[in-house]
Amino acid sequence: QVQLVESGGGLVQAGGSLRLSCRASGTIFSINGMGWYRQAPGEQRGLVASISYNNSPRYADSVKGRFTISRDNAKNMIYLQMNDLKPEDTAVYYCYAEINNGWRLGTDWGQGTQVTVSS
């Protein structure tokens, strides 16, 4: 069984910074892509950033230049450094990982962490 646990969310003023972390644990043979989605109230979940196994990042246009995604393959962890936060960044942030645990390759999700940006 695989588990993803996020941390680092919270309340911050506009212009501030937060760093989200997510750790995958359990039976893991390898992890391919990892990333972050977010979902605001009344909206669909959307991709924020993703990163391949060889550290090639991809960002939503709305966060380019403000957010940085990174990963530590040795620790099965992924990070999202969020700078110059805006009220429209307020959402629940979910990490995901494409995990091969030896008998299946699937996408696993964390439980989500709330990020609230006040104006």
PDB file of N, CA and C in Angstrom:
ATOM      1  N   GLN A   1       0.847  -1.194   0.000  1.00  0.00           N
ATOM      2  CA  GLN A   1       0.000   0.000   0.000  1.00  0.00           C
ATOM      3  C   GLN A   1       0.874   1.233   0.000  1.00  0.00           C
ATOM      4  N   VAL A   2       0.449   2.247  -0.740  1.00  0.00           N
ATOM      5  CA  VAL A   2       1.208   3.483  -0.862  1.00  0.00           C
ATOM      6  C   VAL A   2       0.447   4.619  -0.189  1.00  0.00           C
ATOM      7  N   GLN A   3       1.179   5.480   0.450  1.00  0.00           N
ATOM      8  CA  GLN A   3       0.572   6.639   1.095  1.00  0.00           C
ATOM      9  C   GLN A   3       1.357   7.891   0.740  1.00  0.00           C
ATOM     10  N   LEU A   4       0.657   8.972   0.402  1.00  0.00           N
ATOM     11  CA  LEU A   4       1.273  10.270   0.166  1.00  0.00           C
ATOM     12  C   LEU A   4       0.753  11.233   1.225  1.00  0.00           C
ATOM     13  N   VAL A   5       1.664  11.927   1.891  1.00  0.00           N
ATOM     14  CA  VAL A   5       1.290  12.848   2.947  1.00  0.00           C
ATOM     15  C   VAL A   5       1.895  14.215   2.654  1.00  0.00           C
ATOM     16  N   GLU A   6       1.027  15.229   2.563  1.00  0.00           N
ATOM     17  CA  GLU A   6       1.473  16.598   2.330  1.00  0.00           C
ATOM     18  C   GLU A   6       1.640  17.333   3.654  1.00  0.00           C
ATOM     19  N   SER A   7       2.453  18.373   3.617  1.00  0.00           N
ATOM     20  CA  SER A   7       2.596  19.270   4.756  1.00  0.00           C
ATOM     21  C   SER A   7       3.026  20.636   4.238  1.00  0.00           C
ATOM     22  N   GLY A   8       2.876  21.649   5.104  1.00  0.00           N
ATOM     23  CA  GLY A   8       3.378  22.971   4.762  1.00  0.00           C
ATOM     24  C   GLY A   8       2.328  23.994   4.390  1.00  0.00           C
ATOM     25  N   GLY A   9       1.076  23.596   4.318  1.00  0.00           N
ATOM     26  CA  GLY A   9       0.040  24.570   4.014  1.00  0.00           C
ATOM     27  C   GLY A   9      -0.217  25.505   5.185  1.00  0.00           C
ATOM     28  N   GLY A  10      -1.038  26.508   4.951  1.00  0.00           N
ATOM     29  CA  GLY A  10      -1.355  27.440   6.027  1.00  0.00           C
ATOM     30  C   GLY A  10      -1.921  28.731   5.501  1.00  0.00           C
ATOM     31  N   LEU A  11      -1.940  29.724   6.373  1.00  0.00           N
ATOM     32  CA  LEU A  11      -2.465  31.050   6.065  1.00  0.00           C
ATOM     33  C   LEU A  11      -1.299  32.022   5.906  1.00  0.00           C
ATOM     34  N   VAL A  12      -1.319  32.777   4.819  1.00  0.00           N
ATOM     35  CA  VAL A  12      -0.238  33.732   4.562  1.00  0.00           C
ATOM     36  C   VAL A  12      -0.830  34.970   3.897  1.00  0.00           C
ATOM     37  N   GLN A  13      -0.190  36.096   4.101  1.00  0.00           N
ATOM     38  CA  GLN A  13      -0.639  37.327   3.445  1.00  0.00           C
ATOM     39  C   GLN A  13      -0.165  37.360   1.998  1.00  0.00           C
ATOM     40  N   ALA A  14      -0.876  38.101   1.186  1.00  0.00           N
ATOM     41  CA  ALA A  14      -0.481  38.269  -0.206  1.00  0.00           C
ATOM     42  C   ALA A  14       0.953  38.791  -0.275  1.00  0.00           C
ATOM     43  N   GLY A  15       1.716  38.219  -1.195  1.00  0.00           N
ATOM     44  CA  GLY A  15       3.118  38.557  -1.327  1.00  0.00           C
ATOM     45  C   GLY A  15       4.036  37.655  -0.532  1.00  0.00           C
ATOM     46  N   GLY A  16       3.474  36.850   0.338  1.00  0.00           N
ATOM     47  CA  GLY A  16       4.260  35.957   1.166  1.00  0.00           C
ATOM     48  C   GLY A  16       4.622  34.666   0.468  1.00  0.00           C
ATOM     49  N   SER A  17       5.251  33.772   1.224  1.00  0.00           N
ATOM     50  CA  SER A  17       5.744  32.507   0.676  1.00  0.00           C
ATOM     51  C   SER A  17       5.338  31.337   1.564  1.00  0.00           C
ATOM     52  N   LEU A  18       5.205  30.196   0.932  1.00  0.00           N
ATOM     53  CA  LEU A  18       4.997  28.928   1.628  1.00  0.00           C
ATOM     54  C   LEU A  18       5.748  27.844   0.867  1.00  0.00           C
ATOM     55  N   ARG A  19       6.127  26.802   1.586  1.00  0.00           N
ATOM     56  CA  ARG A  19       6.766  25.653   0.948  1.00  0.00           C
ATOM     57  C   ARG A  19       5.985  24.401   1.307  1.00  0.00           C
ATOM     58  N   LEU A  20       5.443  23.743   0.305  1.00  0.00           N
ATOM     59  CA  LEU A  20       4.726  22.500   0.500  1.00  0.00           C
ATOM     60  C   LEU A  20       5.672  21.324   0.307  1.00  0.00           C
ATOM     61  N   SER A  21       5.447  20.290   1.094  1.00  0.00           N
ATOM     62  CA  SER A  21       6.215  19.058   0.962  1.00  0.00           C
ATOM     63  C   SER A  21       5.248  17.889   0.856  1.00  0.00           C
ATOM     64  N   CYS A  22       5.703  16.832   0.212  1.00  0.00           N
ATOM     65  CA  CYS A  22       4.886  15.625   0.086  1.00  0.00           C
ATOM     66  C   CYS A  22       5.820  14.428   0.061  1.00  0.00           C
ATOM     67  N   ARG A  23       5.529  13.448   0.898  1.00  0.00           N
ATOM     68  CA  ARG A  23       6.369  12.260   0.983  1.00  0.00           C
ATOM     69  C   ARG A  23       5.554  11.025   0.646  1.00  0.00           C
ATOM     70  N   ALA A  24       6.087  10.211  -0.243  1.00  0.00           N
ATOM     71  CA  ALA A  24       5.465   8.939  -0.589  1.00  0.00           C
ATOM     72  C   ALA A  24       6.113   7.838   0.225  1.00  0.00           C
ATOM     73  N   SER A  25       5.291   6.954   0.786  1.00  0.00           N
ATOM     74  CA  SER A  25       5.807   5.850   1.581  1.00  0.00           C
ATOM     75  C   SER A  25       5.016   4.583   1.266  1.00  0.00           C
ATOM     76  N   GLY A  26       5.577   3.456   1.715  1.00  0.00           N
ATOM     77  CA  GLY A  26       4.929   2.174   1.463  1.00  0.00           C
ATOM     78  C   GLY A  26       5.751   1.346   0.507  1.00  0.00           C
ATOM     79  N   THR A  27       5.086   0.446  -0.187  1.00  0.00           N
ATOM     80  CA  THR A  27       5.764  -0.423  -1.136  1.00  0.00           C
ATOM     81  C   THR A  27       5.949   0.335  -2.448  1.00  0.00           C
ATOM     82  N   ILE A  28       7.182   0.776  -2.703  1.00  0.00           N
ATOM     83  CA  ILE A  28       7.486   1.583  -3.877  1.00  0.00           C
ATOM     84  C   ILE A  28       8.702   1.002  -4.579  1.00  0.00           C
ATOM     85  N   PHE A  29       8.525   0.634  -5.834  1.00  0.00           N
ATOM     86  CA  PHE A  29       9.643   0.155  -6.643  1.00  0.00           C
ATOM     87  C   PHE A  29      10.291   1.320  -7.364  1.00  0.00           C
ATOM     88  N   SER A  30       9.475   2.193  -7.932  1.00  0.00           N
ATOM     89  CA  SER A  30       9.974   3.381  -8.603  1.00  0.00           C
ATOM     90  C   SER A  30       8.856   4.395  -8.721  1.00  0.00           C
ATOM     91  N   ILE A  31       9.251   5.664  -8.889  1.00  0.00           N
ATOM     92  CA  ILE A  31       8.278   6.744  -9.083  1.00  0.00           C
ATOM     93  C   ILE A  31       8.627   7.477 -10.360  1.00  0.00           C
ATOM     94  N   ASN A  32       7.679   7.624 -11.242  1.00  0.00           N
ATOM     95  CA  ASN A  32       7.882   8.376 -12.477  1.00  0.00           C
ATOM     96  C   ASN A  32       7.556   9.844 -12.225  1.00  0.00           C
ATOM     97  N   GLY A  33       6.538  10.366 -12.848  1.00  0.00           N
ATOM     98  CA  GLY A  33       6.195  11.766 -12.658  1.00  0.00           C
ATOM     99  C   GLY A  33       5.583  12.027 -11.294  1.00  0.00           C
ATOM    100  N   MET A  34       5.790  13.233 -10.805  1.00  0.00           N
ATOM    101  CA  MET A  34       5.187  13.708  -9.559  1.00  0.00           C
ATOM    102  C   MET A  34       4.705  15.127  -9.801  1.00  0.00           C
ATOM    103  N   GLY A  35       3.810  15.582  -8.951  1.00  0.00           N
ATOM    104  CA  GLY A  35       3.356  16.952  -9.159  1.00  0.00           C
ATOM    105  C   GLY A  35       2.331  17.393  -8.144  1.00  0.00           C
ATOM    106  N   TRP A  36       1.799  18.573  -8.421  1.00  0.00           N
ATOM    107  CA  TRP A  36       0.818  19.201  -7.538  1.00  0.00           C
ATOM    108  C   TRP A  36      -0.382  19.681  -8.360  1.00  0.00           C
ATOM    109  N   TYR A  37      -1.559  19.415  -7.837  1.00  0.00           N
ATOM    110  CA  TYR A  37      -2.792  19.978  -8.344  1.00  0.00           C
ATOM    111  C   TYR A  37      -3.382  20.851  -7.239  1.00  0.00           C
ATOM    112  N   ARG A  38      -4.320  21.695  -7.595  1.00  0.00           N
ATOM    113  CA  ARG A  38      -5.048  22.457  -6.588  1.00  0.00           C
ATOM    114  C   ARG A  38      -6.508  22.578  -6.988  1.00  0.00           C
ATOM    115  N   GLN A  39      -7.334  22.766  -5.964  1.00  0.00           N
ATOM    116  CA  GLN A  39      -8.765  22.905  -6.182  1.00  0.00           C
ATOM    117  C   GLN A  39      -9.312  23.969  -5.250  1.00  0.00           C
ATOM    118  N   ALA A  40      -9.866  25.012  -5.833  1.00  0.00           N
ATOM    119  CA  ALA A  40     -10.520  26.063  -5.072  1.00  0.00           C
ATOM    120  C   ALA A  40     -12.007  25.743  -4.987  1.00  0.00           C
ATOM    121  N   PRO A  41     -12.707  26.306  -4.009  1.00  0.00           N
ATOM    122  CA  PRO A  41     -14.150  26.044  -3.857  1.00  0.00           C
ATOM    123  C   PRO A  41     -14.904  26.374  -5.135  1.00  0.00           C
ATOM    124  N   GLY A  42     -15.728  25.442  -5.579  1.00  0.00           N
ATOM    125  CA  GLY A  42     -16.531  25.669  -6.765  1.00  0.00           C
ATOM    126  C   GLY A  42     -15.806  25.504  -8.082  1.00  0.00           C
ATOM    127  N   GLU A  43     -14.541  25.115  -8.032  1.00  0.00           N
ATOM    128  CA  GLU A  43     -13.757  24.969  -9.252  1.00  0.00           C
ATOM    129  C   GLU A  43     -13.265  23.533  -9.399  1.00  0.00           C
ATOM    130  N   GLN A  44     -12.881  23.187 -10.619  1.00  0.00           N
ATOM    131  CA  GLN A  44     -12.301  21.876 -10.852  1.00  0.00           C
ATOM    132  C   GLN A  44     -10.845  21.854 -10.415  1.00  0.00           C
ATOM    133  N   ARG A  45     -10.383  20.655 -10.095  1.00  0.00           N
ATOM    134  CA  ARG A  45      -8.977  20.483  -9.751  1.00  0.00           C
ATOM    135  C   ARG A  45      -8.134  20.717 -10.998  1.00  0.00           C
ATOM    136  N   GLY A  46      -7.057  21.499 -10.845  1.00  0.00           N
ATOM    137  CA  GLY A  46      -6.201  21.809 -11.986  1.00  0.00           C
ATOM    138  C   GLY A  46      -4.730  21.643 -11.661  1.00  0.00           C
ATOM    139  N   LEU A  47      -3.957  21.356 -12.686  1.00  0.00           N
ATOM    140  CA  LEU A  47      -2.530  21.144 -12.504  1.00  0.00           C
ATOM    141  C   LEU A  47      -1.826  22.457 -12.155  1.00  0.00           C
ATOM    142  N   VAL A  48      -0.987  22.392 -11.146  1.00  0.00           N
ATOM    143  CA  VAL A  48      -0.162  23.543 -10.761  1.00  0.00           C
ATOM    144  C   VAL A  48       1.239  23.380 -11.345  1.00  0.00           C
ATOM    145  N   ALA A  49       1.840  22.231 -11.069  1.00  0.00           N
ATOM    146  CA  ALA A  49       3.190  21.961 -11.554  1.00  0.00           C
ATOM    147  C   ALA A  49       3.438  20.464 -11.526  1.00  0.00           C
ATOM    148  N   SER A  50       4.310  20.018 -12.409  1.00  0.00           N
ATOM    149  CA  SER A  50       4.695  18.618 -12.419  1.00  0.00           C
ATOM    150  C   SER A  50       6.187  18.530 -12.698  1.00  0.00           C
ATOM    151  N   ILE A  51       6.757  17.379 -12.366  1.00  0.00           N
ATOM    152  CA  ILE A  51       8.189  17.185 -12.568  1.00  0.00           C
ATOM    153  C   ILE A  51       8.446  15.729 -12.907  1.00  0.00           C
ATOM    154  N   SER A  52       9.264  15.511 -13.919  1.00  0.00           N
ATOM    155  CA  SER A  52       9.572  14.148 -14.332  1.00  0.00           C
ATOM    156  C   SER A  52      10.649  13.544 -13.442  1.00  0.00           C
ATOM    157  N   TYR A  53      10.921  12.259 -13.646  1.00  0.00           N
ATOM    158  CA  TYR A  53      11.934  11.585 -12.831  1.00  0.00           C
ATOM    159  C   TYR A  53      13.298  12.249 -13.000  1.00  0.00           C
ATOM    160  N   ASN A  54      13.589  12.735 -14.211  1.00  0.00           N
ATOM    161  CA  ASN A  54      14.886  13.388 -14.459  1.00  0.00           C
ATOM    162  C   ASN A  54      14.810  14.893 -14.264  1.00  0.00           C
ATOM    163  N   ASN A  55      13.829  15.327 -13.453  1.00  0.00           N
ATOM    164  CA  ASN A  55      13.754  16.723 -12.997  1.00  0.00           C
ATOM    165  C   ASN A  55      13.409  17.740 -14.076  1.00  0.00           C
ATOM    166  N   SER A  56      12.611  17.367 -15.030  1.00  0.00           N
ATOM    167  CA  SER A  56      12.112  18.316 -16.017  1.00  0.00           C
ATOM    168  C   SER A  56      10.774  18.860 -15.530  1.00  0.00           C
ATOM    169  N   PRO A  57      10.696  20.167 -15.206  1.00  0.00           N
ATOM    170  CA  PRO A  57       9.470  20.723 -14.632  1.00  0.00           C
ATOM    171  C   PRO A  57       8.509  21.276 -15.679  1.00  0.00           C
ATOM    172  N   ARG A  58       7.273  21.382 -15.260  1.00  0.00           N
ATOM    173  CA  ARG A  58       6.242  22.009 -16.100  1.00  0.00           C
ATOM    174  C   ARG A  58       5.316  22.761 -15.162  1.00  0.00           C
ATOM    175  N   TYR A  59       4.899  23.963 -15.574  1.00  0.00           N
ATOM    176  CA  TYR A  59       4.092  24.825 -14.708  1.00  0.00           C
ATOM    177  C   TYR A  59       2.840  25.317 -15.430  1.00  0.00           C
ATOM    178  N   ALA A  60       1.795  25.523 -14.634  1.00  0.00           N
ATOM    179  CA  ALA A  60       0.643  26.243 -15.146  1.00  0.00           C
ATOM    180  C   ALA A  60       1.060  27.693 -15.395  1.00  0.00           C
ATOM    181  N   ASP A  61       0.468  28.318 -16.403  1.00  0.00           N
ATOM    182  CA  ASP A  61       0.844  29.696 -16.733  1.00  0.00           C
ATOM    183  C   ASP A  61       0.650  30.635 -15.544  1.00  0.00           C
ATOM    184  N   SER A  62      -0.355  30.364 -14.730  1.00  0.00           N
ATOM    185  CA  SER A  62      -0.690  31.262 -13.624  1.00  0.00           C
ATOM    186  C   SER A  62       0.364  31.284 -12.520  1.00  0.00           C
ATOM    187  N   VAL A  63       1.262  30.294 -12.498  1.00  0.00           N
ATOM    188  CA  VAL A  63       2.250  30.240 -11.410  1.00  0.00           C
ATOM    189  C   VAL A  63       3.689  30.357 -11.912  1.00  0.00           C
ATOM    190  N   LYS A  64       3.873  30.430 -13.214  1.00  0.00           N
ATOM    191  CA  LYS A  64       5.226  30.544 -13.768  1.00  0.00           C
ATOM    192  C   LYS A  64       5.929  31.770 -13.211  1.00  0.00           C
ATOM    193  N   GLY A  65       7.184  31.570 -12.799  1.00  0.00           N
ATOM    194  CA  GLY A  65       7.967  32.662 -12.251  1.00  0.00           C
ATOM    195  C   GLY A  65       7.753  32.887 -10.765  1.00  0.00           C
ATOM    196  N   ARG A  66       6.740  32.256 -10.186  1.00  0.00           N
ATOM    197  CA  ARG A  66       6.464  32.410  -8.749  1.00  0.00           C
ATOM    198  C   ARG A  66       6.647  31.114  -7.987  1.00  0.00           C
ATOM    199  N   PHE A  67       6.317  29.995  -8.610  1.00  0.00           N
ATOM    200  CA  PHE A  67       6.393  28.688  -7.949  1.00  0.00           C
ATOM    201  C   PHE A  67       7.557  27.890  -8.530  1.00  0.00           C
ATOM    202  N   THR A  68       8.170  27.079  -7.680  1.00  0.00           N
ATOM    203  CA  THR A  68       9.244  26.190  -8.127  1.00  0.00           C
ATOM    204  C   THR A  68       8.993  24.799  -7.575  1.00  0.00           C
ATOM    205  N   ILE A  69       8.979  23.824  -8.467  1.00  0.00           N
ATOM    206  CA  ILE A  69       8.793  22.441  -8.060  1.00  0.00           C
ATOM    207  C   ILE A  69      10.138  21.730  -8.058  1.00  0.00           C
ATOM    208  N   SER A  70      10.323  20.843  -7.088  1.00  0.00           N
ATOM    209  CA  SER A  70      11.556  20.060  -7.023  1.00  0.00           C
ATOM    210  C   SER A  70      11.240  18.711  -6.381  1.00  0.00           C
ATOM    211  N   ARG A  71      12.171  17.780  -6.501  1.00  0.00           N
ATOM    212  CA  ARG A  71      11.960  16.460  -5.924  1.00  0.00           C
ATOM    213  C   ARG A  71      13.275  15.895  -5.424  1.00  0.00           C
ATOM    214  N   ASP A  72      13.163  14.979  -4.461  1.00  0.00           N
ATOM    215  CA  ASP A  72      14.297  14.257  -3.915  1.00  0.00           C
ATOM    216  C   ASP A  72      13.983  12.780  -4.095  1.00  0.00           C
ATOM    217  N   ASN A  73      14.550  12.177  -5.117  1.00  0.00           N
ATOM    218  CA  ASN A  73      14.216  10.786  -5.429  1.00  0.00           C
ATOM    219  C   ASN A  73      14.672   9.823  -4.335  1.00  0.00           C
ATOM    220  N   ALA A  74      15.746  10.140  -3.656  1.00  0.00           N
ATOM    221  CA  ALA A  74      16.240   9.258  -2.601  1.00  0.00           C
ATOM    222  C   ALA A  74      15.260   9.196  -1.430  1.00  0.00           C
ATOM    223  N   LYS A  75      14.523  10.264  -1.215  1.00  0.00           N
ATOM    224  CA  LYS A  75      13.580  10.338  -0.094  1.00  0.00           C
ATOM    225  C   LYS A  75      12.126  10.163  -0.537  1.00  0.00           C
ATOM    226  N   ASN A  76      11.901   9.970  -1.829  1.00  0.00           N
ATOM    227  CA  ASN A  76      10.529   9.888  -2.367  1.00  0.00           C
ATOM    228  C   ASN A  76       9.715  11.115  -1.984  1.00  0.00           C
ATOM    229  N   MET A  77      10.328  12.268  -2.120  1.00  0.00           N
ATOM    230  CA  MET A  77       9.658  13.504  -1.724  1.00  0.00           C
ATOM    231  C   MET A  77       9.578  14.481  -2.877  1.00  0.00           C
ATOM    232  N   ILE A  78       8.585  15.341  -2.787  1.00  0.00           N
ATOM    233  CA  ILE A  78       8.394  16.404  -3.759  1.00  0.00           C
ATOM    234  C   ILE A  78       8.093  17.683  -2.977  1.00  0.00           C
ATOM    235  N   TYR A  79       8.504  18.810  -3.553  1.00  0.00           N
ATOM    236  CA  TYR A  79       8.339  20.091  -2.889  1.00  0.00           C
ATOM    237  C   TYR A  79       7.732  21.100  -3.858  1.00  0.00           C
ATOM    238  N   LEU A  80       7.067  22.090  -3.284  1.00  0.00           N
ATOM    239  CA  LEU A  80       6.568  23.214  -4.074  1.00  0.00           C
ATOM    240  C   LEU A  80       6.855  24.488  -3.299  1.00  0.00           C
ATOM    241  N   GLN A  81       7.831  25.241  -3.788  1.00  0.00           N
ATOM    242  CA  GLN A  81       8.132  26.544  -3.205  1.00  0.00           C
ATOM    243  C   GLN A  81       7.252  27.582  -3.873  1.00  0.00           C
ATOM    244  N   MET A  82       6.430  28.252  -3.067  1.00  0.00           N
ATOM    245  CA  MET A  82       5.467  29.213  -3.597  1.00  0.00           C
ATOM    246  C   MET A  82       5.830  30.601  -3.086  1.00  0.00           C
ATOM    247  N   ASN A  83       6.205  31.486  -3.986  1.00  0.00           N
ATOM    248  CA  ASN A  83       6.564  32.859  -3.649  1.00  0.00           C
ATOM    249  C   ASN A  83       5.563  33.838  -4.250  1.00  0.00           C
ATOM    250  N   ASP A  84       5.555  35.041  -3.715  1.00  0.00           N
ATOM    251  CA  ASP A  84       4.660  36.096  -4.215  1.00  0.00           C
ATOM    252  C   ASP A  84       3.229  35.571  -4.327  1.00  0.00           C
ATOM    253  N   LEU A  85       2.755  34.979  -3.267  1.00  0.00           N
ATOM    254  CA  LEU A  85       1.434  34.379  -3.294  1.00  0.00           C
ATOM    255  C   LEU A  85       0.336  35.427  -3.447  1.00  0.00           C
ATOM    256  N   LYS A  86      -0.706  35.038  -4.153  1.00  0.00           N
ATOM    257  CA  LYS A  86      -1.834  35.909  -4.437  1.00  0.00           C
ATOM    258  C   LYS A  86      -3.109  35.285  -3.868  1.00  0.00           C
ATOM    259  N   PRO A  87      -4.121  36.104  -3.598  1.00  0.00           N
ATOM    260  CA  PRO A  87      -5.382  35.525  -3.076  1.00  0.00           C
ATOM    261  C   PRO A  87      -5.946  34.444  -3.994  1.00  0.00           C
ATOM    262  N   GLU A  88      -5.736  34.556  -5.284  1.00  0.00           N
ATOM    263  CA  GLU A  88      -6.264  33.546  -6.204  1.00  0.00           C
ATOM    264  C   GLU A  88      -5.512  32.224  -6.139  1.00  0.00           C
ATOM    265  N   ASP A  89      -4.440  32.172  -5.375  1.00  0.00           N
ATOM    266  CA  ASP A  89      -3.740  30.901  -5.136  1.00  0.00           C
ATOM    267  C   ASP A  89      -4.396  30.085  -4.024  1.00  0.00           C
ATOM    268  N   THR A  90      -5.375  30.689  -3.353  1.00  0.00           N
ATOM    269  CA  THR A  90      -6.071  29.992  -2.276  1.00  0.00           C
ATOM    270  C   THR A  90      -6.776  28.754  -2.811  1.00  0.00           C
ATOM    271  N   ALA A  91      -6.469  27.608  -2.213  1.00  0.00           N
ATOM    272  CA  ALA A  91      -7.017  26.328  -2.676  1.00  0.00           C
ATOM    273  C   ALA A  91      -6.517  25.223  -1.768  1.00  0.00           C
ATOM    274  N   VAL A  92      -7.080  24.035  -1.968  1.00  0.00           N
ATOM    275  CA  VAL A  92      -6.499  22.828  -1.386  1.00  0.00           C
ATOM    276  C   VAL A  92      -5.507  22.273  -2.408  1.00  0.00           C
ATOM    277  N   TYR A  93      -4.301  22.030  -1.961  1.00  0.00           N
ATOM    278  CA  TYR A  93      -3.238  21.543  -2.837  1.00  0.00           C
ATOM    279  C   TYR A  93      -3.036  20.049  -2.596  1.00  0.00           C
ATOM    280  N   TYR A  94      -3.020  19.306  -3.691  1.00  0.00           N
ATOM    281  CA  TYR A  94      -2.873  17.852  -3.640  1.00  0.00           C
ATOM    282  C   TYR A  94      -1.605  17.440  -4.381  1.00  0.00           C
ATOM    283  N   CYS A  95      -0.818  16.601  -3.763  1.00  0.00           N
ATOM    284  CA  CYS A  95       0.318  16.036  -4.493  1.00  0.00           C
ATOM    285  C   CYS A  95      -0.094  14.691  -5.089  1.00  0.00           C
ATOM    286  N   TYR A  96       0.596  14.315  -6.148  1.00  0.00           N
ATOM    287  CA  TYR A  96       0.370  13.012  -6.753  1.00  0.00           C
ATOM    288  C   TYR A  96       1.714  12.431  -7.166  1.00  0.00           C
ATOM    289  N   ALA A  97       1.709  11.119  -7.341  1.00  0.00           N
ATOM    290  CA  ALA A  97       2.913  10.426  -7.800  1.00  0.00           C
ATOM    291  C   ALA A  97       2.506   9.222  -8.637  1.00  0.00           C
ATOM    292  N   GLU A  98       3.222   9.023  -9.734  1.00  0.00           N
ATOM    293  CA  GLU A  98       2.999   7.864 -10.600  1.00  0.00           C
ATOM    294  C   GLU A  98       3.922   6.752 -10.120  1.00  0.00           C
ATOM    295  N   ILE A  99       3.351   5.816  -9.381  1.00  0.00           N
ATOM    296  CA  ILE A  99       4.152   4.853  -8.625  1.00  0.00           C
ATOM    297  C   ILE A  99       4.054   3.452  -9.204  1.00  0.00           C
ATOM    298  N   ASN A 100       5.212   2.825  -9.340  1.00  0.00           N
ATOM    299  CA  ASN A 100       5.306   1.407  -9.683  1.00  0.00           C
ATOM    300  C   ASN A 100       5.683   0.674  -8.402  1.00  0.00           C
ATOM    301  N   ASN A 101       4.778  -0.142  -7.906  1.00  0.00           N
ATOM    302  CA  ASN A 101       5.088  -0.858  -6.671  1.00  0.00           C
ATOM    303  C   ASN A 101       5.365  -2.332  -6.922  1.00  0.00           C
ATOM    304  N   GLY A 102       5.659  -2.665  -8.154  1.00  0.00           N
ATOM    305  CA  GLY A 102       6.077  -4.024  -8.480  1.00  0.00           C
ATOM    306  C   GLY A 102       5.005  -4.841  -9.162  1.00  0.00           C
ATOM    307  N   TRP A 103       3.744  -4.550  -8.867  1.00  0.00           N
ATOM    308  CA  TRP A 103       2.665  -5.275  -9.532  1.00  0.00           C
ATOM    309  C   TRP A 103       1.656  -4.366 -10.213  1.00  0.00           C
ATOM    310  N   ARG A 104       1.791  -3.057 -10.020  1.00  0.00           N
ATOM    311  CA  ARG A 104       0.935  -2.151 -10.767  1.00  0.00           C
ATOM    312  C   ARG A 104       1.602  -0.785 -10.870  1.00  0.00           C
ATOM    313  N   LEU A 105       1.292  -0.077 -11.945  1.00  0.00           N
ATOM    314  CA  LEU A 105       1.723   1.304 -12.119  1.00  0.00           C
ATOM    315  C   LEU A 105       0.476   2.165 -12.080  1.00  0.00           C
ATOM    316  N   GLY A 106       0.392   3.014 -11.085  1.00  0.00           N
ATOM    317  CA  GLY A 106      -0.799   3.831 -10.937  1.00  0.00           C
ATOM    318  C   GLY A 106      -0.478   5.186 -10.351  1.00  0.00           C
ATOM    319  N   THR A 107      -1.459   6.052 -10.321  1.00  0.00           N
ATOM    320  CA  THR A 107      -1.311   7.394  -9.767  1.00  0.00           C
ATOM    321  C   THR A 107      -1.932   7.431  -8.379  1.00  0.00           C
ATOM    322  N   ASP A 108      -1.124   7.802  -7.414  1.00  0.00           N
ATOM    323  CA  ASP A 108      -1.575   7.921  -6.026  1.00  0.00           C
ATOM    324  C   ASP A 108      -1.629   9.377  -5.621  1.00  0.00           C
ATOM    325  N   TRP A 109      -2.537   9.693  -4.709  1.00  0.00           N
ATOM    326  CA  TRP A 109      -2.795  11.076  -4.313  1.00  0.00           C
ATOM    327  C   TRP A 109      -2.664  11.257  -2.807  1.00  0.00           C
ATOM    328  N   GLY A 110      -2.254  12.449  -2.418  1.00  0.00           N
ATOM    329  CA  GLY A 110      -2.281  12.824  -1.020  1.00  0.00           C
ATOM    330  C   GLY A 110      -3.665  13.287  -0.614  1.00  0.00           C
ATOM    331  N   GLN A 111      -3.808  13.587   0.679  1.00  0.00           N
ATOM    332  CA  GLN A 111      -5.121  13.955   1.205  1.00  0.00           C
ATOM    333  C   GLN A 111      -5.417  15.441   1.018  1.00  0.00           C
ATOM    334  N   GLY A 112      -4.410  16.207   0.652  1.00  0.00           N
ATOM    335  CA  GLY A 112      -4.593  17.636   0.416  1.00  0.00           C
ATOM    336  C   GLY A 112      -4.171  18.473   1.599  1.00  0.00           C
ATOM    337  N   THR A 113      -3.675  19.670   1.307  1.00  0.00           N
ATOM    338  CA  THR A 113      -3.312  20.632   2.342  1.00  0.00           C
ATOM    339  C   THR A 113      -3.842  22.004   1.932  1.00  0.00           C
ATOM    340  N   GLN A 114      -4.435  22.701   2.874  1.00  0.00           N
ATOM    341  CA  GLN A 114      -5.080  23.979   2.586  1.00  0.00           C
ATOM    342  C   GLN A 114      -4.052  25.108   2.537  1.00  0.00           C
ATOM    343  N   VAL A 115      -4.130  25.897   1.499  1.00  0.00           N
ATOM    344  CA  VAL A 115      -3.350  27.131   1.387  1.00  0.00           C
ATOM    345  C   VAL A 115      -4.335  28.283   1.271  1.00  0.00           C
ATOM    346  N   THR A 116      -4.227  29.241   2.176  1.00  0.00           N
ATOM    347  CA  THR A 116      -5.099  30.410   2.175  1.00  0.00           C
ATOM    348  C   THR A 116      -4.252  31.664   2.123  1.00  0.00           C
ATOM    349  N   VAL A 117      -4.506  32.498   1.134  1.00  0.00           N
ATOM    350  CA  VAL A 117      -3.757  33.742   0.955  1.00  0.00           C
ATOM    351  C   VAL A 117      -4.715  34.906   1.172  1.00  0.00           C
ATOM    352  N   SER A 118      -4.427  35.714   2.174  1.00  0.00           N
ATOM    353  CA  SER A 118      -5.285  36.860   2.485  1.00  0.00           C
ATOM    354  C   SER A 118      -4.789  38.105   1.755  1.00  0.00           C
ATOM    355  N   SER A 119      -5.728  38.957   1.413  1.00  0.00           N
ATOM    356  CA  SER A 119      -5.363  40.186   0.679  1.00  0.00           C
ATOM    357  C   SER A 119      -5.055  41.332   1.618  1.00  0.00           C
TER     358      SER A 119
END
